[in-house]
Amino acid sequence: MRTDLSRHRNPMLLGIILSFVFVVVGAVWLSQSQETLDKVAEHLGVTASPIWNPPIPDYEIPGFEGNPLMNIVTVTVFTLLVLAVALIVGKSLKAKAKIQD
């Protein structure tokens, strides 16, 4: 029985394609909506007082707020980063399992 990556290539490719479809749809759809917690805070008159300044506040690149194309680029880059980390961790675990066998 083959255990190499080649027999899993098609499902992996389908998963990657689906993740990017969800990324694009989510970036466009969610960039147009306001978070429920923000709506409640505005209704109650509560203001934000952050305890630290995140590198990407409100999940948008400073200077490009409200730009759907930039949102798509940003989430695509971070999706690629997460996929790369998952691939590296998976390969290292596979190598570790081979050593233990």
PDB file of N, CA and C in Angstrom:
ATOM      1  N   MET A   1       0.853  -1.185   0.000  1.00  0.00           N
ATOM      2  CA  MET A   1       0.000   0.000   0.000  1.00  0.00           C
ATOM      3  C   MET A   1       0.893   1.241   0.000  1.00  0.00           C
ATOM      4  N   ARG A   2       0.590   2.159  -0.894  1.00  0.00           N
ATOM      5  CA  ARG A   2       1.383   3.378  -0.999  1.00  0.00           C
ATOM      6  C   ARG A   2       0.963   4.372   0.079  1.00  0.00           C
ATOM      7  N   THR A   3       1.949   4.956   0.724  1.00  0.00           N
ATOM      8  CA  THR A   3       1.655   5.954   1.746  1.00  0.00           C
ATOM      9  C   THR A   3       2.258   7.305   1.396  1.00  0.00           C
ATOM     10  N   ASP A   4       2.740   7.440   0.175  1.00  0.00           N
ATOM     11  CA  ASP A   4       3.350   8.712  -0.196  1.00  0.00           C
ATOM     12  C   ASP A   4       2.285   9.767  -0.490  1.00  0.00           C
ATOM     13  N   LEU A   5       2.744  10.967  -0.691  1.00  0.00           N
ATOM     14  CA  LEU A   5       1.860  12.112  -0.868  1.00  0.00           C
ATOM     15  C   LEU A   5       1.138  12.112  -2.210  1.00  0.00           C
ATOM     16  N   SER A   6       1.642  11.376  -3.194  1.00  0.00           N
ATOM     17  CA  SER A   6       1.077  11.449  -4.547  1.00  0.00           C
ATOM     18  C   SER A   6      -0.367  10.966  -4.615  1.00  0.00           C
ATOM     19  N   ARG A   7      -0.735   9.993  -3.810  1.00  0.00           N
ATOM     20  CA  ARG A   7      -2.126   9.517  -3.881  1.00  0.00           C
ATOM     21  C   ARG A   7      -3.086  10.473  -3.198  1.00  0.00           C
ATOM     22  N   HIS A   8      -2.575  11.399  -2.409  1.00  0.00           N
ATOM     23  CA  HIS A   8      -3.416  12.391  -1.734  1.00  0.00           C
ATOM     24  C   HIS A   8      -3.368  13.750  -2.423  1.00  0.00           C
ATOM     25  N   ARG A   9      -2.715  13.830  -3.559  1.00  0.00           N
ATOM     26  CA  ARG A   9      -2.513  15.115  -4.219  1.00  0.00           C
ATOM     27  C   ARG A   9      -3.838  15.748  -4.675  1.00  0.00           C
ATOM     28  N   ASN A  10      -4.734  14.970  -5.278  1.00  0.00           N
ATOM     29  CA  ASN A  10      -5.997  15.544  -5.759  1.00  0.00           C
ATOM     30  C   ASN A  10      -6.874  16.069  -4.628  1.00  0.00           C
ATOM     31  N   PRO A  11      -7.090  15.310  -3.547  1.00  0.00           N
ATOM     32  CA  PRO A  11      -7.876  15.878  -2.443  1.00  0.00           C
ATOM     33  C   PRO A  11      -7.213  17.103  -1.815  1.00  0.00           C
ATOM     34  N   MET A  12      -5.872  17.095  -1.746  1.00  0.00           N
ATOM     35  CA  MET A  12      -5.176  18.258  -1.198  1.00  0.00           C
ATOM     36  C   MET A  12      -5.363  19.468  -2.098  1.00  0.00           C
ATOM     37  N   LEU A  13      -5.258  19.264  -3.392  1.00  0.00           N
ATOM     38  CA  LEU A  13      -5.438  20.360  -4.347  1.00  0.00           C
ATOM     39  C   LEU A  13      -6.861  20.904  -4.268  1.00  0.00           C
ATOM     40  N   LEU A  14      -7.835  20.013  -4.168  1.00  0.00           N
ATOM     41  CA  LEU A  14      -9.225  20.437  -4.022  1.00  0.00           C
ATOM     42  C   LEU A  14      -9.406  21.238  -2.737  1.00  0.00           C
ATOM     43  N   GLY A  15      -8.793  20.794  -1.636  1.00  0.00           N
ATOM     44  CA  GLY A  15      -8.881  21.527  -0.375  1.00  0.00           C
ATOM     45  C   GLY A  15      -8.258  22.904  -0.458  1.00  0.00           C
ATOM     46  N   ILE A  16      -7.124  23.006  -1.142  1.00  0.00           N
ATOM     47  CA  ILE A  16      -6.465  24.308  -1.295  1.00  0.00           C
ATOM     48  C   ILE A  16      -7.315  25.238  -2.141  1.00  0.00           C
ATOM     49  N   ILE A  17      -7.871  24.722  -3.221  1.00  0.00           N
ATOM     50  CA  ILE A  17      -8.735  25.543  -4.083  1.00  0.00           C
ATOM     51  C   ILE A  17      -9.968  26.011  -3.311  1.00  0.00           C
ATOM     52  N   LEU A  18     -10.585  25.096  -2.555  1.00  0.00           N
ATOM     53  CA  LEU A  18     -11.762  25.477  -1.757  1.00  0.00           C
ATOM     54  C   LEU A  18     -11.404  26.502  -0.693  1.00  0.00           C
ATOM     55  N   SER A  19     -10.228  26.366  -0.092  1.00  0.00           N
ATOM     56  CA  SER A  19      -9.842  27.347   0.925  1.00  0.00           C
ATOM     57  C   SER A  19      -9.721  28.730   0.315  1.00  0.00           C
ATOM     58  N   PHE A  20      -9.188  28.825  -0.905  1.00  0.00           N
ATOM     59  CA  PHE A  20      -9.075  30.135  -1.532  1.00  0.00           C
ATOM     60  C   PHE A  20     -10.434  30.677  -1.970  1.00  0.00           C
ATOM     61  N   VAL A  21     -11.355  29.804  -2.339  1.00  0.00           N
ATOM     62  CA  VAL A  21     -12.718  30.268  -2.653  1.00  0.00           C
ATOM     63  C   VAL A  21     -13.343  30.867  -1.394  1.00  0.00           C
ATOM     64  N   PHE A  22     -13.209  30.156  -0.262  1.00  0.00           N
ATOM     65  CA  PHE A  22     -13.748  30.674   0.995  1.00  0.00           C
ATOM     66  C   PHE A  22     -13.047  31.964   1.412  1.00  0.00           C
ATOM     67  N   VAL A  23     -11.752  32.066   1.154  1.00  0.00           N
ATOM     68  CA  VAL A  23     -10.996  33.270   1.500  1.00  0.00           C
ATOM     69  C   VAL A  23     -11.533  34.465   0.719  1.00  0.00           C
ATOM     70  N   VAL A  24     -11.706  34.311  -0.571  1.00  0.00           N
ATOM     71  CA  VAL A  24     -12.175  35.430  -1.399  1.00  0.00           C
ATOM     72  C   VAL A  24     -13.603  35.812  -1.024  1.00  0.00           C
ATOM     73  N   VAL A  25     -14.480  34.825  -0.921  1.00  0.00           N
ATOM     74  CA  VAL A  25     -15.872  35.116  -0.565  1.00  0.00           C
ATOM     75  C   VAL A  25     -15.941  35.742   0.826  1.00  0.00           C
ATOM     76  N   GLY A  26     -15.197  35.183   1.771  1.00  0.00           N
ATOM     77  CA  GLY A  26     -15.198  35.727   3.124  1.00  0.00           C
ATOM     78  C   GLY A  26     -14.635  37.121   3.196  1.00  0.00           C
ATOM     79  N   ALA A  27     -13.556  37.381   2.472  1.00  0.00           N
ATOM     80  CA  ALA A  27     -12.936  38.707   2.505  1.00  0.00           C
ATOM     81  C   ALA A  27     -13.887  39.766   1.954  1.00  0.00           C
ATOM     82  N   VAL A  28     -14.576  39.443   0.886  1.00  0.00           N
ATOM     83  CA  VAL A  28     -15.498  40.419   0.287  1.00  0.00           C
ATOM     84  C   VAL A  28     -16.745  40.578   1.154  1.00  0.00           C
ATOM     85  N   TRP A  29     -17.321  39.464   1.575  1.00  0.00           N
ATOM     86  CA  TRP A  29     -18.568  39.506   2.335  1.00  0.00           C
ATOM     87  C   TRP A  29     -18.359  40.101   3.724  1.00  0.00           C
ATOM     88  N   LEU A  30     -17.338  39.626   4.436  1.00  0.00           N
ATOM     89  CA  LEU A  30     -17.133  40.085   5.804  1.00  0.00           C
ATOM     90  C   LEU A  30     -16.579  41.500   5.878  1.00  0.00           C
ATOM     91  N   SER A  31     -15.912  41.959   4.826  1.00  0.00           N
ATOM     92  CA  SER A  31     -15.413  43.333   4.858  1.00  0.00           C
ATOM     93  C   SER A  31     -16.556  44.332   4.778  1.00  0.00           C
ATOM     94  N   GLN A  32     -17.701  43.900   4.296  1.00  0.00           N
ATOM     95  CA  GLN A  32     -18.859  44.780   4.172  1.00  0.00           C
ATOM     96  C   GLN A  32     -19.772  44.733   5.393  1.00  0.00           C
ATOM     97  N   SER A  33     -19.516  43.808   6.315  1.00  0.00           N
ATOM     98  CA  SER A  33     -20.389  43.680   7.482  1.00  0.00           C
ATOM     99  C   SER A  33     -19.691  44.219   8.723  1.00  0.00           C
ATOM    100  N   GLN A  34     -20.488  44.597   9.697  1.00  0.00           N
ATOM    101  CA  GLN A  34     -19.945  45.102  10.950  1.00  0.00           C
ATOM    102  C   GLN A  34     -20.122  44.017  12.011  1.00  0.00           C
ATOM    103  N   GLU A  35     -19.117  43.869  12.851  1.00  0.00           N
ATOM    104  CA  GLU A  35     -19.187  42.839  13.874  1.00  0.00           C
ATOM    105  C   GLU A  35     -20.280  43.164  14.883  1.00  0.00           C
ATOM    106  N   THR A  36     -20.944  42.126  15.384  1.00  0.00           N
ATOM    107  CA  THR A  36     -22.040  42.298  16.336  1.00  0.00           C
ATOM    108  C   THR A  36     -21.561  42.984  17.602  1.00  0.00           C
ATOM    109  N   LEU A  37     -20.377  42.608  18.094  1.00  0.00           N
ATOM    110  CA  LEU A  37     -19.857  43.217  19.306  1.00  0.00           C
ATOM    111  C   LEU A  37     -19.619  44.717  19.107  1.00  0.00           C
ATOM    112  N   ASP A  38     -19.171  45.107  17.921  1.00  0.00           N
ATOM    113  CA  ASP A  38     -18.985  46.531  17.632  1.00  0.00           C
ATOM    114  C   ASP A  38     -20.319  47.274  17.639  1.00  0.00           C
ATOM    115  N   LYS A  39     -21.357  46.638  17.095  1.00  0.00           N
ATOM    116  CA  LYS A  39     -22.682  47.271  17.086  1.00  0.00           C
ATOM    117  C   LYS A  39     -23.200  47.479  18.505  1.00  0.00           C
ATOM    118  N   VAL A  40     -23.039  46.464  19.346  1.00  0.00           N
ATOM    119  CA  VAL A  40     -23.504  46.567  20.736  1.00  0.00           C
ATOM    120  C   VAL A  40     -22.701  47.629  21.479  1.00  0.00           C
ATOM    121  N   ALA A  41     -21.401  47.678  21.257  1.00  0.00           N
ATOM    122  CA  ALA A  41     -20.555  48.676  21.919  1.00  0.00           C
ATOM    123  C   ALA A  41     -20.964  50.086  21.512  1.00  0.00           C
ATOM    124  N   GLU A  42     -21.231  50.294  20.234  1.00  0.00           N
ATOM    125  CA  GLU A  42     -21.688  51.607  19.777  1.00  0.00           C
ATOM    126  C   GLU A  42     -23.022  51.975  20.411  1.00  0.00           C
ATOM    127  N   HIS A  43     -23.921  51.001  20.501  1.00  0.00           N
ATOM    128  CA  HIS A  43     -25.249  51.241  21.090  1.00  0.00           C
ATOM    129  C   HIS A  43     -25.123  51.639  22.561  1.00  0.00           C
ATOM    130  N   LEU A  44     -24.177  51.025  23.269  1.00  0.00           N
ATOM    131  CA  LEU A  44     -23.990  51.322  24.689  1.00  0.00           C
ATOM    132  C   LEU A  44     -23.066  52.512  24.928  1.00  0.00           C
ATOM    133  N   GLY A  45     -22.462  53.031  23.875  1.00  0.00           N
ATOM    134  CA  GLY A  45     -21.570  54.177  24.016  1.00  0.00           C
ATOM    135  C   GLY A  45     -20.192  53.818  24.552  1.00  0.00           C
ATOM    136  N   VAL A  46     -19.811  52.583  24.416  1.00  0.00           N
ATOM    137  CA  VAL A  46     -18.511  52.119  24.903  1.00  0.00           C
ATOM    138  C   VAL A  46     -17.451  52.417  23.850  1.00  0.00           C
ATOM    139  N   THR A  47     -16.297  52.895  24.285  1.00  0.00           N
ATOM    140  CA  THR A  47     -15.193  53.149  23.370  1.00  0.00           C
ATOM    141  C   THR A  47     -14.074  52.141  23.621  1.00  0.00           C
ATOM    142  N   ALA A  48     -13.309  51.895  22.600  1.00  0.00           N
ATOM    143  CA  ALA A  48     -12.224  50.915  22.696  1.00  0.00           C
ATOM    144  C   ALA A  48     -11.009  51.542  23.350  1.00  0.00           C
ATOM    145  N   SER A  49     -10.323  50.734  24.141  1.00  0.00           N
ATOM    146  CA  SER A  49      -9.038  51.154  24.714  1.00  0.00           C
ATOM    147  C   SER A  49      -8.100  49.954  24.626  1.00  0.00           C
ATOM    148  N   PRO A  50      -7.437  49.826  23.480  1.00  0.00           N
ATOM    149  CA  PRO A  50      -6.593  48.651  23.257  1.00  0.00           C
ATOM    150  C   PRO A  50      -5.417  48.598  24.238  1.00  0.00           C
ATOM    151  N   ILE A  51      -5.015  47.388  24.600  1.00  0.00           N
ATOM    152  CA  ILE A  51      -3.887  47.223  25.514  1.00  0.00           C
ATOM    153  C   ILE A  51      -2.574  47.079  24.748  1.00  0.00           C
ATOM    154  N   TRP A  52      -2.667  46.899  23.430  1.00  0.00           N
ATOM    155  CA  TRP A  52      -1.469  46.853  22.581  1.00  0.00           C
ATOM    156  C   TRP A  52      -1.860  47.237  21.169  1.00  0.00           C
ATOM    157  N   ASN A  53      -0.904  47.624  20.380  1.00  0.00           N
ATOM    158  CA  ASN A  53      -1.164  48.001  18.991  1.00  0.00           C
ATOM    159  C   ASN A  53      -0.775  46.844  18.081  1.00  0.00           C
ATOM    160  N   PRO A  54      -1.761  46.129  17.555  1.00  0.00           N
ATOM    161  CA  PRO A  54      -1.454  44.995  16.683  1.00  0.00           C
ATOM    162  C   PRO A  54      -0.841  45.470  15.366  1.00  0.00           C
ATOM    163  N   PRO A  55      -0.043  44.613  14.721  1.00  0.00           N
ATOM    164  CA  PRO A  55       0.574  45.013  13.459  1.00  0.00           C
ATOM    165  C   PRO A  55      -0.439  45.268  12.342  1.00  0.00           C
ATOM    166  N   ILE A  56      -1.558  44.554  12.375  1.00  0.00           N
ATOM    167  CA  ILE A  56      -2.608  44.759  11.376  1.00  0.00           C
ATOM    168  C   ILE A  56      -3.925  44.977  12.137  1.00  0.00           C
ATOM    169  N   PRO A  57      -4.215  46.226  12.510  1.00  0.00           N
ATOM    170  CA  PRO A  57      -5.437  46.480  13.275  1.00  0.00           C
ATOM    171  C   PRO A  57      -6.693  46.229  12.439  1.00  0.00           C
ATOM    172  N   ASP A  58      -7.688  45.650  13.074  1.00  0.00           N
ATOM    173  CA  ASP A  58      -8.979  45.354  12.436  1.00  0.00           C
ATOM    174  C   ASP A  58      -8.834  44.518  11.170  1.00  0.00           C
ATOM    175  N   TYR A  59      -7.767  43.724  11.089  1.00  0.00           N
ATOM    176  CA  TYR A  59      -7.530  42.797   9.978  1.00  0.00           C
ATOM    177  C   TYR A  59      -7.380  43.492   8.633  1.00  0.00           C
ATOM    178  N   GLU A  60      -6.975  44.754   8.647  1.00  0.00           N
ATOM    179  CA  GLU A  60      -6.787  45.513   7.402  1.00  0.00           C
ATOM    180  C   GLU A  60      -5.440  46.223   7.453  1.00  0.00           C
ATOM    181  N   ILE A  61      -4.806  46.323   6.299  1.00  0.00           N
ATOM    182  CA  ILE A  61      -3.534  47.024   6.195  1.00  0.00           C
ATOM    183  C   ILE A  61      -3.796  48.528   6.375  1.00  0.00           C
ATOM    184  N   PRO A  62      -3.069  49.184   7.290  1.00  0.00           N
ATOM    185  CA  PRO A  62      -3.280  50.628   7.478  1.00  0.00           C
ATOM    186  C   PRO A  62      -3.082  51.391   6.160  1.00  0.00           C
ATOM    187  N   GLY A  63      -4.019  52.260   5.874  1.00  0.00           N
ATOM    188  CA  GLY A  63      -4.000  53.025   4.635  1.00  0.00           C
ATOM    189  C   GLY A  63      -4.854  52.410   3.548  1.00  0.00           C
ATOM    190  N   PHE A  64      -5.247  51.166   3.728  1.00  0.00           N
ATOM    191  CA  PHE A  64      -6.072  50.480   2.727  1.00  0.00           C
ATOM    192  C   PHE A  64      -7.400  50.005   3.334  1.00  0.00           C
ATOM    193  N   GLU A  65      -7.862  50.656   4.381  1.00  0.00           N
ATOM    194  CA  GLU A  65      -9.102  50.255   5.038  1.00  0.00           C
ATOM    195  C   GLU A  65     -10.274  50.345   4.069  1.00  0.00           C
ATOM    196  N   GLY A  66     -11.110  49.324   4.058  1.00  0.00           N
ATOM    197  CA  GLY A  66     -12.281  49.327   3.198  1.00  0.00           C
ATOM    198  C   GLY A  66     -12.015  48.963   1.752  1.00  0.00           C
ATOM    199  N   ASN A  67     -10.787  48.597   1.418  1.00  0.00           N
ATOM    200  CA  ASN A  67     -10.435  48.224   0.046  1.00  0.00           C
ATOM    201  C   ASN A  67     -10.576  46.705  -0.102  1.00  0.00           C
ATOM    202  N   PRO A  68     -11.627  46.230  -0.778  1.00  0.00           N
ATOM    203  CA  PRO A  68     -11.853  44.782  -0.881  1.00  0.00           C
ATOM    204  C   PRO A  68     -10.702  44.038  -1.567  1.00  0.00           C
ATOM    205  N   LEU A  69     -10.085  44.637  -2.571  1.00  0.00           N
ATOM    206  CA  LEU A  69      -8.978  43.977  -3.257  1.00  0.00           C
ATOM    207  C   LEU A  69      -7.799  43.770  -2.309  1.00  0.00           C
ATOM    208  N   MET A  70      -7.496  44.764  -1.498  1.00  0.00           N
ATOM    209  CA  MET A  70      -6.405  44.636  -0.544  1.00  0.00           C
ATOM    210  C   MET A  70      -6.741  43.613   0.536  1.00  0.00           C
ATOM    211  N   ASN A  71      -8.022  43.532   0.920  1.00  0.00           N
ATOM    212  CA  ASN A  71      -8.446  42.510   1.884  1.00  0.00           C
ATOM    213  C   ASN A  71      -8.221  41.115   1.312  1.00  0.00           C
ATOM    214  N   ILE A  72      -8.545  40.931   0.037  1.00  0.00           N
ATOM    215  CA  ILE A  72      -8.349  39.627  -0.605  1.00  0.00           C
ATOM    216  C   ILE A  72      -6.868  39.282  -0.646  1.00  0.00           C
ATOM    217  N   VAL A  73      -6.033  40.253  -1.005  1.00  0.00           N
ATOM    218  CA  VAL A  73      -4.587  40.008  -1.049  1.00  0.00           C
ATOM    219  C   VAL A  73      -4.063  39.647   0.338  1.00  0.00           C
ATOM    220  N   THR A  74      -4.487  40.394   1.350  1.00  0.00           N
ATOM    221  CA  THR A  74      -4.018  40.150   2.719  1.00  0.00           C
ATOM    222  C   THR A  74      -4.405  38.762   3.204  1.00  0.00           C
ATOM    223  N   VAL A  75      -5.677  38.393   3.063  1.00  0.00           N
ATOM    224  CA  VAL A  75      -6.092  37.081   3.563  1.00  0.00           C
ATOM    225  C   VAL A  75      -5.510  35.952   2.720  1.00  0.00           C
ATOM    226  N   THR A  76      -5.251  36.194   1.445  1.00  0.00           N
ATOM    227  CA  THR A  76      -4.605  35.176   0.616  1.00  0.00           C
ATOM    228  C   THR A  76      -3.178  34.933   1.094  1.00  0.00           C
ATOM    229  N   VAL A  77      -2.459  35.995   1.394  1.00  0.00           N
ATOM    230  CA  VAL A  77      -1.084  35.850   1.892  1.00  0.00           C
ATOM    231  C   VAL A  77      -1.078  35.079   3.211  1.00  0.00           C
ATOM    232  N   PHE A  78      -1.978  35.430   4.120  1.00  0.00           N
ATOM    233  CA  PHE A  78      -2.015  34.739   5.400  1.00  0.00           C
ATOM    234  C   PHE A  78      -2.498  33.297   5.258  1.00  0.00           C
ATOM    235  N   THR A  79      -3.378  33.028   4.313  1.00  0.00           N
ATOM    236  CA  THR A  79      -3.799  31.650   4.056  1.00  0.00           C
ATOM    237  C   THR A  79      -2.623  30.828   3.540  1.00  0.00           C
ATOM    238  N   LEU A  80      -1.856  31.398   2.625  1.00  0.00           N
ATOM    239  CA  LEU A  80      -0.653  30.711   2.137  1.00  0.00           C
ATOM    240  C   LEU A  80       0.332  30.459   3.268  1.00  0.00           C
ATOM    241  N   LEU A  81       0.463  31.410   4.175  1.00  0.00           N
ATOM    242  CA  LEU A  81       1.359  31.247   5.316  1.00  0.00           C
ATOM    243  C   LEU A  81       0.901  30.095   6.207  1.00  0.00           C
ATOM    244  N   VAL A  82      -0.388  30.032   6.495  1.00  0.00           N
ATOM    245  CA  VAL A  82      -0.924  28.952   7.328  1.00  0.00           C
ATOM    246  C   VAL A  82      -0.752  27.600   6.631  1.00  0.00           C
ATOM    247  N   LEU A  83      -1.033  27.542   5.334  1.00  0.00           N
ATOM    248  CA  LEU A  83      -0.858  26.296   4.597  1.00  0.00           C
ATOM    249  C   LEU A  83       0.604  25.858   4.581  1.00  0.00           C
ATOM    250  N   ALA A  84       1.531  26.807   4.431  1.00  0.00           N
ATOM    251  CA  ALA A  84       2.958  26.483   4.429  1.00  0.00           C
ATOM    252  C   ALA A  84       3.391  25.942   5.789  1.00  0.00           C
ATOM    253  N   VAL A  85       2.943  26.576   6.858  1.00  0.00           N
ATOM    254  CA  VAL A  85       3.288  26.098   8.205  1.00  0.00           C
ATOM    255  C   VAL A  85       2.716  24.697   8.429  1.00  0.00           C
ATOM    256  N   ALA A  86       1.470  24.482   8.007  1.00  0.00           N
ATOM    257  CA  ALA A  86       0.860  23.156   8.166  1.00  0.00           C
ATOM    258  C   ALA A  86       1.624  22.101   7.375  1.00  0.00           C
ATOM    259  N   LEU A  87       2.063  22.440   6.175  1.00  0.00           N
ATOM    260  CA  LEU A  87       2.828  21.503   5.363  1.00  0.00           C
ATOM    261  C   LEU A  87       4.176  21.181   6.014  1.00  0.00           C
ATOM    262  N   ILE A  88       4.845  22.189   6.527  1.00  0.00           N
ATOM    263  CA  ILE A  88       6.139  21.984   7.182  1.00  0.00           C
ATOM    264  C   ILE A  88       5.980  21.128   8.439  1.00  0.00           C
ATOM    265  N   VAL A  89       4.977  21.410   9.237  1.00  0.00           N
ATOM    266  CA  VAL A  89       4.733  20.618  10.444  1.00  0.00           C
ATOM    267  C   VAL A  89       4.384  19.187  10.067  1.00  0.00           C
ATOM    268  N   GLY A  90       3.545  19.013   9.054  1.00  0.00           N
ATOM    269  CA  GLY A  90       3.169  17.665   8.613  1.00  0.00           C
ATOM    270  C   GLY A  90       4.365  16.866   8.125  1.00  0.00           C
ATOM    271  N   LYS A  91       5.231  17.498   7.345  1.00  0.00           N
ATOM    272  CA  LYS A  91       6.417  16.793   6.841  1.00  0.00           C
ATOM    273  C   LYS A  91       7.375  16.450   7.975  1.00  0.00           C
ATOM    274  N   SER A  92       7.519  17.358   8.942  1.00  0.00           N
ATOM    275  CA  SER A  92       8.417  17.054  10.057  1.00  0.00           C
ATOM    276  C   SER A  92       7.856  15.940  10.927  1.00  0.00           C
ATOM    277  N   LEU A  93       6.540  15.902  11.108  1.00  0.00           N
ATOM    278  CA  LEU A  93       5.935  14.797  11.875  1.00  0.00           C
ATOM    279  C   LEU A  93       6.061  13.472  11.141  1.00  0.00           C
ATOM    280  N   LYS A  94       5.924  13.525   9.826  1.00  0.00           N
ATOM    281  CA  LYS A  94       6.082  12.307   9.021  1.00  0.00           C
ATOM    282  C   LYS A  94       7.511  11.798   9.107  1.00  0.00           C
ATOM    283  N   ALA A  95       8.479  12.717   9.031  1.00  0.00           N
ATOM    284  CA  ALA A  95       9.881  12.325   9.149  1.00  0.00           C
ATOM    285  C   ALA A  95      10.174  11.760  10.535  1.00  0.00           C
ATOM    286  N   LYS A  96       9.598  12.344  11.558  1.00  0.00           N
ATOM    287  CA  LYS A  96       9.785  11.862  12.926  1.00  0.00           C
ATOM    288  C   LYS A  96       9.175  10.470  13.093  1.00  0.00           C
ATOM    289  N   ALA A  97       8.023  10.237  12.461  1.00  0.00           N
ATOM    290  CA  ALA A  97       7.377   8.926  12.545  1.00  0.00           C
ATOM    291  C   ALA A  97       8.215   7.861  11.844  1.00  0.00           C
ATOM    292  N   LYS A  98       8.855   8.225  10.726  1.00  0.00           N
ATOM    293  CA  LYS A  98       9.723   7.278  10.019  1.00  0.00           C
ATOM    294  C   LYS A  98      10.932   6.917  10.860  1.00  0.00           C
ATOM    295  N   ILE A  99      11.468   7.885  11.598  1.00  0.00           N
ATOM    296  CA  ILE A  99      12.634   7.639  12.436  1.00  0.00           C
ATOM    297  C   ILE A  99      12.263   6.677  13.566  1.00  0.00           C
ATOM    298  N   GLN A 100      11.066   6.836  14.123  1.00  0.00           N
ATOM    299  CA  GLN A 100      10.648   5.990  15.232  1.00  0.00           C
ATOM    300  C   GLN A 100      10.295   4.577  14.797  1.00  0.00           C
ATOM    301  N   ASP A 101       9.974   4.386  13.531  1.00  0.00           N
ATOM    302  CA  ASP A 101       9.602   3.044  13.042  1.00  0.00           C
ATOM    303  C   ASP A 101      10.786   2.196  12.861  1.00  0.00           C
TER     304      ASP A 101
END
